[in-house]
Amino acid sequence: MSKRIRVKTPSKLQTPQGRRYLIVGLTIILGIFLSLAIKQNDEPKLLSSAREDELVRILDDLSKQKDNLELELIKQSQVLDSLKSGSNEEAKKVAQNRIDQLILLSGTAPVTGRGIQVLITGDVYSVSAFTVLDSVQELRDAGAVAIEINGNRIINSTYFNDTSDGITINQAKIRSPYRINALGDPETLATALKIPGGLAEKVTTSGGQVVITQYATLVIESTVDLITPQYAVPVTK
């Protein structure tokens, strides 16, 4: 995947030490995002109306996010070891690759690449916050590396709630039709949404509609602001 806008690396990041600081900092931020996601998805009002299978899906998704974060921490440790033991050029290459990946995961830059657009229409009975959450989970499980819904970038800390005439994404109100842009292998993503019991079937059987379009080039312009940790700071040895 390539970033929509290529920004010149700041002078502070042109040294291995500067890159180590940024990598550790972004890893801490991803951990904060995961913690927020767990708290937000645990809101009593939302969960009290959830079915058992929906609760199981949420728990399973959070468990997967926890496992992914633990793997990410292991990878970061390996990156730091490589930066310490490798040559200067190798260290720069590894650090830049990791920075690009973390920027992608944190949603702080526009991205472009192959993907699909999912157009979901329906009333509040056929399309709920759980419907949208299920779509995000299914897309992530199918390998989506970046997701946007009605101009809102979706990351680990994103949460959804039902309203009287639509849903909210991080308190931003959106209404039907819901336009989901997801970057990844188009065929794999589309197939994941069309499997029996998947998003497309659930929405259509409830009276809504789902239209999936594959693109060789799809742009996600929306971004999220990088949060500066209030209490955590990088530690160097």
C-alpha atoms as a PDB file:
ATOM      1  CA  MET A   1       0.000   0.000   0.000  1.00  0.00           C
ATOM      2  CA  SER A   2       1.207   3.586  -0.571  1.00  0.00           C
ATOM      3  CA  LYS A   3       0.355   6.747   1.275  1.00  0.00           C
ATOM      4  CA  ARG A   4      -1.758   9.234  -0.646  1.00  0.00           C
ATOM      5  CA  ILE A   5       0.600  12.080   0.264  1.00  0.00           C
ATOM      6  CA  ARG A   6       4.293  11.360   0.738  1.00  0.00           C
ATOM      7  CA  VAL A   7       5.616  13.578   3.509  1.00  0.00           C
ATOM      8  CA  LYS A   8       9.335  14.199   3.835  1.00  0.00           C
ATOM      9  CA  THR A   9      10.807  12.525   6.900  1.00  0.00           C
ATOM     10  CA  PRO A  10      11.452  15.123   9.636  1.00  0.00           C
ATOM     11  CA  SER A  11      15.084  15.732  10.504  1.00  0.00           C
ATOM     12  CA  LYS A  12      14.578  14.217  13.951  1.00  0.00           C
ATOM     13  CA  LEU A  13      13.634  10.901  12.322  1.00  0.00           C
ATOM     14  CA  GLN A  14      16.728  10.711  10.127  1.00  0.00           C
ATOM     15  CA  THR A  15      18.728   9.054  12.891  1.00  0.00           C
ATOM     16  CA  PRO A  16      18.212   5.494  14.215  1.00  0.00           C
ATOM     17  CA  GLN A  17      17.605   6.876  17.710  1.00  0.00           C
ATOM     18  CA  GLY A  18      14.889   9.221  16.500  1.00  0.00           C
ATOM     19  CA  ARG A  19      13.175   6.364  14.657  1.00  0.00           C
ATOM     20  CA  ARG A  20      13.331   4.173  17.748  1.00  0.00           C
ATOM     21  CA  TYR A  21      11.562   6.896  19.743  1.00  0.00           C
ATOM     22  CA  LEU A  22       8.776   7.174  17.146  1.00  0.00           C
ATOM     23  CA  ILE A  23       8.325   3.393  16.831  1.00  0.00           C
ATOM     24  CA  VAL A  24       8.050   2.947  20.595  1.00  0.00           C
ATOM     25  CA  GLY A  25       5.725   5.952  20.829  1.00  0.00           C
ATOM     26  CA  LEU A  26       3.396   4.645  18.114  1.00  0.00           C
ATOM     27  CA  THR A  27       3.344   1.219  19.752  1.00  0.00           C
ATOM     28  CA  ILE A  28       2.244   2.820  23.020  1.00  0.00           C
ATOM     29  CA  ILE A  29      -0.470   4.720  21.164  1.00  0.00           C
ATOM     30  CA  LEU A  30      -1.772   1.496  19.571  1.00  0.00           C
ATOM     31  CA  GLY A  31      -1.996   0.036  23.053  1.00  0.00           C
ATOM     32  CA  ILE A  32      -4.012   3.032  24.182  1.00  0.00           C
ATOM     33  CA  PHE A  33      -6.320   2.630  21.167  1.00  0.00           C
ATOM     34  CA  LEU A  34      -6.943  -1.004  22.102  1.00  0.00           C
ATOM     35  CA  SER A  35      -7.749  -0.062  25.696  1.00  0.00           C
ATOM     36  CA  LEU A  36     -10.204   2.584  24.510  1.00  0.00           C
ATOM     37  CA  ALA A  37     -11.823   0.104  22.124  1.00  0.00           C
ATOM     38  CA  ILE A  38     -12.384  -2.365  24.936  1.00  0.00           C
ATOM     39  CA  LYS A  39     -13.920   0.318  27.160  1.00  0.00           C
ATOM     40  CA  GLN A  40     -16.093   1.844  24.464  1.00  0.00           C
ATOM     41  CA  ASN A  41     -17.443  -1.464  23.189  1.00  0.00           C
ATOM     42  CA  ASP A  42     -18.345  -2.354  26.753  1.00  0.00           C
ATOM     43  CA  GLU A  43     -20.954   0.395  27.119  1.00  0.00           C
ATOM     44  CA  PRO A  44     -23.906  -0.991  29.131  1.00  0.00           C
ATOM     45  CA  LYS A  45     -26.595   0.566  26.946  1.00  0.00           C
ATOM     46  CA  LEU A  46     -25.229  -1.018  23.777  1.00  0.00           C
ATOM     47  CA  LEU A  47     -24.480  -4.437  25.236  1.00  0.00           C
ATOM     48  CA  SER A  48     -27.744  -4.728  27.154  1.00  0.00           C
ATOM     49  CA  SER A  49     -29.651  -5.018  23.870  1.00  0.00           C
ATOM     50  CA  ALA A  50     -27.146  -7.353  22.216  1.00  0.00           C
ATOM     51  CA  ARG A  51     -27.913 -10.949  21.365  1.00  0.00           C
ATOM     52  CA  GLU A  52     -25.711 -13.734  22.671  1.00  0.00           C
ATOM     53  CA  ASP A  53     -24.093 -14.335  19.270  1.00  0.00           C
ATOM     54  CA  GLU A  54     -23.307 -10.615  18.957  1.00  0.00           C
ATOM     55  CA  LEU A  55     -21.637 -10.586  22.368  1.00  0.00           C
ATOM     56  CA  VAL A  56     -19.588 -13.619  21.378  1.00  0.00           C
ATOM     57  CA  ARG A  57     -18.464 -11.850  18.192  1.00  0.00           C
ATOM     58  CA  ILE A  58     -17.406  -8.756  20.154  1.00  0.00           C
ATOM     59  CA  LEU A  59     -15.462 -10.852  22.665  1.00  0.00           C
ATOM     60  CA  ASP A  60     -13.819 -12.790  19.858  1.00  0.00           C
ATOM     61  CA  ASP A  61     -12.847  -9.584  18.052  1.00  0.00           C
ATOM     62  CA  LEU A  62     -11.349  -8.068  21.198  1.00  0.00           C
ATOM     63  CA  SER A  63      -9.402 -11.260  21.843  1.00  0.00           C
ATOM     64  CA  LYS A  64      -8.020 -11.129  18.305  1.00  0.00           C
ATOM     65  CA  GLN A  65      -7.050  -7.486  18.768  1.00  0.00           C
ATOM     66  CA  LYS A  66      -5.260  -8.399  22.005  1.00  0.00           C
ATOM     67  CA  ASP A  67      -3.375 -11.211  20.260  1.00  0.00           C
ATOM     68  CA  ASN A  68      -2.472  -8.924  17.363  1.00  0.00           C
ATOM     69  CA  LEU A  69      -1.169  -6.288  19.746  1.00  0.00           C
ATOM     70  CA  GLU A  70       0.968  -8.839  21.572  1.00  0.00           C
ATOM     71  CA  LEU A  71       2.422  -9.957  18.224  1.00  0.00           C
ATOM     72  CA  GLU A  72       3.043  -6.332  17.358  1.00  0.00           C
ATOM     73  CA  LEU A  73       4.988  -5.847  20.580  1.00  0.00           C
ATOM     74  CA  ILE A  74       7.128  -8.870  19.757  1.00  0.00           C
ATOM     75  CA  LYS A  75       7.804  -7.464  16.296  1.00  0.00           C
ATOM     76  CA  GLN A  76       8.751  -4.115  17.805  1.00  0.00           C
ATOM     77  CA  SER A  77      11.269  -5.817  20.087  1.00  0.00           C
ATOM     78  CA  GLN A  78      12.775  -7.544  17.058  1.00  0.00           C
ATOM     79  CA  VAL A  79      12.924  -4.217  15.227  1.00  0.00           C
ATOM     80  CA  LEU A  80      14.740  -2.590  18.135  1.00  0.00           C
ATOM     81  CA  ASP A  81      17.242  -5.456  18.244  1.00  0.00           C
ATOM     82  CA  SER A  82      17.798  -5.070  14.514  1.00  0.00           C
ATOM     83  CA  LEU A  83      18.326  -1.334  14.876  1.00  0.00           C
ATOM     84  CA  LYS A  84      20.935  -1.913  17.564  1.00  0.00           C
ATOM     85  CA  SER A  85      22.869  -4.662  15.771  1.00  0.00           C
ATOM     86  CA  GLY A  86      22.444  -3.848  12.059  1.00  0.00           C
ATOM     87  CA  SER A  87      24.234  -1.374   9.820  1.00  0.00           C
ATOM     88  CA  ASN A  88      23.061   2.227   9.572  1.00  0.00           C
ATOM     89  CA  GLU A  89      21.402   1.719   6.161  1.00  0.00           C
ATOM     90  CA  GLU A  90      19.673  -1.495   7.258  1.00  0.00           C
ATOM     91  CA  ALA A  91      18.459   0.227  10.397  1.00  0.00           C
ATOM     92  CA  LYS A  92      17.036   3.107   8.363  1.00  0.00           C
ATOM     93  CA  LYS A  93      15.206   0.744   5.996  1.00  0.00           C
ATOM     94  CA  VAL A  94      13.724  -1.383   8.788  1.00  0.00           C
ATOM     95  CA  ALA A  95      12.720   1.675  10.800  1.00  0.00           C
ATOM     96  CA  GLN A  96      11.052   3.361   7.822  1.00  0.00           C
ATOM     97  CA  ASN A  97       9.096   0.206   6.963  1.00  0.00           C
ATOM     98  CA  ARG A  98       7.838  -0.086  10.517  1.00  0.00           C
ATOM     99  CA  ILE A  99       6.951   3.607  10.643  1.00  0.00           C
ATOM    100  CA  ASP A 100       4.917   3.252   7.429  1.00  0.00           C
ATOM    101  CA  GLN A 101       3.077   0.225   8.827  1.00  0.00           C
ATOM    102  CA  LEU A 102       2.288   1.948  12.116  1.00  0.00           C
ATOM    103  CA  ILE A 103       1.072   5.063  10.338  1.00  0.00           C
ATOM    104  CA  LEU A 104      -1.249   2.828   8.303  1.00  0.00           C
ATOM    105  CA  LEU A 105      -2.577   1.070  11.406  1.00  0.00           C
ATOM    106  CA  SER A 106      -3.042   4.275  13.376  1.00  0.00           C
ATOM    107  CA  GLY A 107      -4.906   5.974  10.503  1.00  0.00           C
ATOM    108  CA  THR A 108      -2.845   9.162  10.611  1.00  0.00           C
ATOM    109  CA  ALA A 109      -2.313   9.457   6.832  1.00  0.00           C
ATOM    110  CA  PRO A 110      -4.448   9.087   3.671  1.00  0.00           C
ATOM    111  CA  VAL A 111      -3.893   5.816   1.797  1.00  0.00           C
ATOM    112  CA  THR A 112      -4.653   4.377  -1.623  1.00  0.00           C
ATOM    113  CA  GLY A 113      -4.642   0.922  -3.185  1.00  0.00           C
ATOM    114  CA  ARG A 114      -6.849  -1.991  -4.259  1.00  0.00           C
ATOM    115  CA  GLY A 115     -10.052  -2.513  -2.343  1.00  0.00           C
ATOM    116  CA  ILE A 116     -13.835  -2.506  -2.275  1.00  0.00           C
ATOM    117  CA  GLN A 117     -16.650  -0.097  -1.599  1.00  0.00           C
ATOM    118  CA  VAL A 118     -19.678  -1.407   0.281  1.00  0.00           C
ATOM    119  CA  LEU A 119     -22.916   0.569   0.050  1.00  0.00           C
ATOM    120  CA  ILE A 120     -25.410  -0.412   2.754  1.00  0.00           C
ATOM    121  CA  THR A 121     -28.930   1.040   2.763  1.00  0.00           C
ATOM    122  CA  GLY A 122     -31.758   0.400   5.192  1.00  0.00           C
ATOM    123  CA  ASP A 123     -33.654   1.740   8.180  1.00  0.00           C
ATOM    124  CA  VAL A 124     -32.631   1.447  11.833  1.00  0.00           C
ATOM    125  CA  TYR A 125     -34.205  -2.004  12.011  1.00  0.00           C
ATOM    126  CA  SER A 126     -32.203  -3.516   9.168  1.00  0.00           C
ATOM    127  CA  VAL A 127     -28.933  -1.642   9.761  1.00  0.00           C
ATOM    128  CA  SER A 128     -27.787  -1.043  13.344  1.00  0.00           C
ATOM    129  CA  ALA A 129     -24.531  -0.207  15.064  1.00  0.00           C
ATOM    130  CA  PHE A 130     -23.894  -3.937  15.437  1.00  0.00           C
ATOM    131  CA  THR A 131     -24.413  -4.376  11.690  1.00  0.00           C
ATOM    132  CA  VAL A 132     -21.696  -1.848  10.945  1.00  0.00           C
ATOM    133  CA  LEU A 133     -19.447  -3.314  13.643  1.00  0.00           C
ATOM    134  CA  ASP A 134     -19.917  -6.778  12.122  1.00  0.00           C
ATOM    135  CA  SER A 135     -18.930  -5.436   8.723  1.00  0.00           C
ATOM    136  CA  VAL A 136     -15.729  -3.966  10.152  1.00  0.00           C
ATOM    137  CA  GLN A 137     -14.898  -7.238  11.912  1.00  0.00           C
ATOM    138  CA  GLU A 138     -15.523  -9.301   8.779  1.00  0.00           C
ATOM    139  CA  LEU A 139     -13.400  -6.964   6.654  1.00  0.00           C
ATOM    140  CA  ARG A 140     -10.541  -7.025   9.155  1.00  0.00           C
ATOM    141  CA  ASP A 141     -10.677 -10.814   9.368  1.00  0.00           C
ATOM    142  CA  ALA A 142     -10.471 -10.892   5.552  1.00  0.00           C
ATOM    143  CA  GLY A 143      -7.309  -8.781   5.561  1.00  0.00           C
ATOM    144  CA  ALA A 144      -8.498  -5.172   5.242  1.00  0.00           C
ATOM    145  CA  VAL A 145      -5.618  -2.851   6.129  1.00  0.00           C
ATOM    146  CA  ALA A 146      -7.586   0.410   6.150  1.00  0.00           C
ATOM    147  CA  ILE A 147     -11.305   1.146   6.517  1.00  0.00           C
ATOM    148  CA  GLU A 148     -13.398   4.297   6.154  1.00  0.00           C
ATOM    149  CA  ILE A 149     -17.146   4.704   6.781  1.00  0.00           C
ATOM    150  CA  ASN A 150     -18.950   7.826   5.530  1.00  0.00           C
ATOM    151  CA  GLY A 151     -15.735   9.819   5.753  1.00  0.00           C
ATOM    152  CA  ASN A 152     -14.715   8.492   9.178  1.00  0.00           C
ATOM    153  CA  ARG A 153     -11.437   6.546   9.454  1.00  0.00           C
ATOM    154  CA  ILE A 154     -11.895   3.317  11.418  1.00  0.00           C
ATOM    155  CA  ILE A 155      -9.136   2.265  13.832  1.00  0.00           C
ATOM    156  CA  ASN A 156      -8.906   0.100  16.966  1.00  0.00           C
ATOM    157  CA  SER A 157     -10.380   2.797  19.217  1.00  0.00           C
ATOM    158  CA  THR A 158     -13.430   3.436  16.993  1.00  0.00           C
ATOM    159  CA  TYR A 159     -16.821   2.681  18.560  1.00  0.00           C
ATOM    160  CA  PHE A 160     -20.393   2.628  17.273  1.00  0.00           C
ATOM    161  CA  ASN A 161     -23.761   3.436  18.859  1.00  0.00           C
ATOM    162  CA  ASP A 162     -27.371   3.383  17.697  1.00  0.00           C
ATOM    163  CA  THR A 163     -29.432   6.570  17.448  1.00  0.00           C
ATOM    164  CA  SER A 164     -33.081   7.198  16.615  1.00  0.00           C
ATOM    165  CA  ASP A 165     -32.320   7.795  12.936  1.00  0.00           C
ATOM    166  CA  GLY A 166     -28.967   6.138  12.285  1.00  0.00           C
ATOM    167  CA  ILE A 167     -25.741   5.419  14.139  1.00  0.00           C
ATOM    168  CA  THR A 168     -22.765   7.299  15.527  1.00  0.00           C
ATOM    169  CA  ILE A 169     -19.078   6.678  14.913  1.00  0.00           C
ATOM    170  CA  ASN A 170     -17.086   8.119  17.795  1.00  0.00           C
ATOM    171  CA  GLN A 171     -20.092  10.406  18.468  1.00  0.00           C
ATOM    172  CA  ALA A 172     -20.183  11.585  14.825  1.00  0.00           C
ATOM    173  CA  LYS A 173     -23.716  11.020  13.502  1.00  0.00           C
ATOM    174  CA  ILE A 174     -24.144   9.271  10.154  1.00  0.00           C
ATOM    175  CA  ARG A 175     -27.236   8.001   8.347  1.00  0.00           C
ATOM    176  CA  SER A 176     -28.120   5.495   5.648  1.00  0.00           C
ATOM    177  CA  PRO A 177     -26.754   4.926   3.084  1.00  0.00           C
ATOM    178  CA  TYR A 178     -23.545   3.776   4.755  1.00  0.00           C
ATOM    179  CA  ARG A 179     -20.556   3.867   2.420  1.00  0.00           C
ATOM    180  CA  ILE A 180     -17.663   1.658   3.525  1.00  0.00           C
ATOM    181  CA  ASN A 181     -14.293   1.888   1.775  1.00  0.00           C
ATOM    182  CA  ALA A 182     -11.841  -0.911   2.613  1.00  0.00           C
ATOM    183  CA  LEU A 183      -8.345  -1.498   1.240  1.00  0.00           C
ATOM    184  CA  GLY A 184      -7.145  -5.048   0.694  1.00  0.00           C
ATOM    185  CA  ASP A 185      -7.546  -7.837  -1.843  1.00  0.00           C
ATOM    186  CA  PRO A 186     -10.908  -6.995  -3.500  1.00  0.00           C
ATOM    187  CA  GLU A 187     -12.003 -10.565  -4.200  1.00  0.00           C
ATOM    188  CA  THR A 188     -11.175 -11.770  -0.689  1.00  0.00           C
ATOM    189  CA  LEU A 189     -12.953  -8.847   0.966  1.00  0.00           C
ATOM    190  CA  ALA A 190     -16.055  -9.176  -1.218  1.00  0.00           C
ATOM    191  CA  THR A 191     -16.263 -12.931  -0.657  1.00  0.00           C
ATOM    192  CA  ALA A 192     -16.027 -12.483   3.112  1.00  0.00           C
ATOM    193  CA  LEU A 193     -19.114 -10.240   3.114  1.00  0.00           C
ATOM    194  CA  LYS A 194     -21.130 -12.586   0.861  1.00  0.00           C
ATOM    195  CA  ILE A 195     -20.673 -15.836   2.790  1.00  0.00           C
ATOM    196  CA  PRO A 196     -23.851 -17.461   4.195  1.00  0.00           C
ATOM    197  CA  GLY A 197     -24.765 -15.769   7.454  1.00  0.00           C
ATOM    198  CA  GLY A 198     -22.478 -12.850   6.672  1.00  0.00           C
ATOM    199  CA  LEU A 199     -23.158  -9.139   6.382  1.00  0.00           C
ATOM    200  CA  ALA A 200     -24.911  -9.189   3.000  1.00  0.00           C
ATOM    201  CA  GLU A 201     -27.337 -11.933   4.000  1.00  0.00           C
ATOM    202  CA  LYS A 202     -28.154 -10.370   7.380  1.00  0.00           C
ATOM    203  CA  VAL A 203     -28.926  -6.971   5.889  1.00  0.00           C
ATOM    204  CA  THR A 204     -30.979  -8.222   2.934  1.00  0.00           C
ATOM    205  CA  THR A 205     -33.076 -10.588   5.073  1.00  0.00           C
ATOM    206  CA  SER A 206     -33.849  -7.614   7.349  1.00  0.00           C
ATOM    207  CA  GLY A 207     -35.092  -5.495   4.454  1.00  0.00           C
ATOM    208  CA  GLY A 208     -31.922  -3.595   3.602  1.00  0.00           C
ATOM    209  CA  GLN A 209     -29.631  -3.685   0.588  1.00  0.00           C
ATOM    210  CA  VAL A 210     -25.898  -4.279   0.121  1.00  0.00           C
ATOM    211  CA  VAL A 211     -23.975  -3.363  -3.034  1.00  0.00           C
ATOM    212  CA  ILE A 212     -20.292  -4.311  -3.246  1.00  0.00           C
ATOM    213  CA  THR A 213     -18.019  -2.786  -5.883  1.00  0.00           C
ATOM    214  CA  GLN A 214     -14.399  -3.810  -6.429  1.00  0.00           C
ATOM    215  CA  TYR A 215     -11.759  -1.237  -7.351  1.00  0.00           C
ATOM    216  CA  ALA A 216      -8.223  -1.526  -8.701  1.00  0.00           C
ATOM    217  CA  THR A 217      -7.527   1.856  -7.082  1.00  0.00           C
ATOM    218  CA  LEU A 218      -9.435   3.215  -4.121  1.00  0.00           C
ATOM    219  CA  VAL A 219      -8.550   6.261  -2.046  1.00  0.00           C
ATOM    220  CA  ILE A 220      -9.192   6.727   1.681  1.00  0.00           C
ATOM    221  CA  GLU A 221      -8.733  10.413   2.452  1.00  0.00           C
ATOM    222  CA  SER A 222      -9.953  10.544   6.049  1.00  0.00           C
ATOM    223  CA  THR A 223      -7.435  10.473   8.893  1.00  0.00           C
ATOM    224  CA  VAL A 224      -7.357  10.600  12.680  1.00  0.00           C
ATOM    225  CA  ASP A 225      -5.227  12.904  14.786  1.00  0.00           C
ATOM    226  CA  LEU A 226      -2.202  11.370  16.466  1.00  0.00           C
ATOM    227  CA  ILE A 227      -2.812  11.402  20.204  1.00  0.00           C
ATOM    228  CA  THR A 228       0.053  12.474  22.421  1.00  0.00           C
ATOM    229  CA  PRO A 229       0.267  10.177  25.490  1.00  0.00           C
ATOM    230  CA  GLN A 230      -0.449  12.059  28.719  1.00  0.00           C
ATOM    231  CA  TYR A 231       1.463   9.762  31.043  1.00  0.00           C
ATOM    232  CA  ALA A 232       3.535   7.299  28.961  1.00  0.00           C
ATOM    233  CA  VAL A 233       6.938   8.222  27.548  1.00  0.00           C
ATOM    234  CA  PRO A 234       9.387   6.157  25.468  1.00  0.00           C
ATOM    235  CA  VAL A 235      12.115   4.413  27.448  1.00  0.00           C
ATOM    236  CA  THR A 236      15.597   3.991  25.975  1.00  0.00           C
ATOM    237  CA  LYS A 237      18.412   1.790  27.183  1.00  0.00           C
END
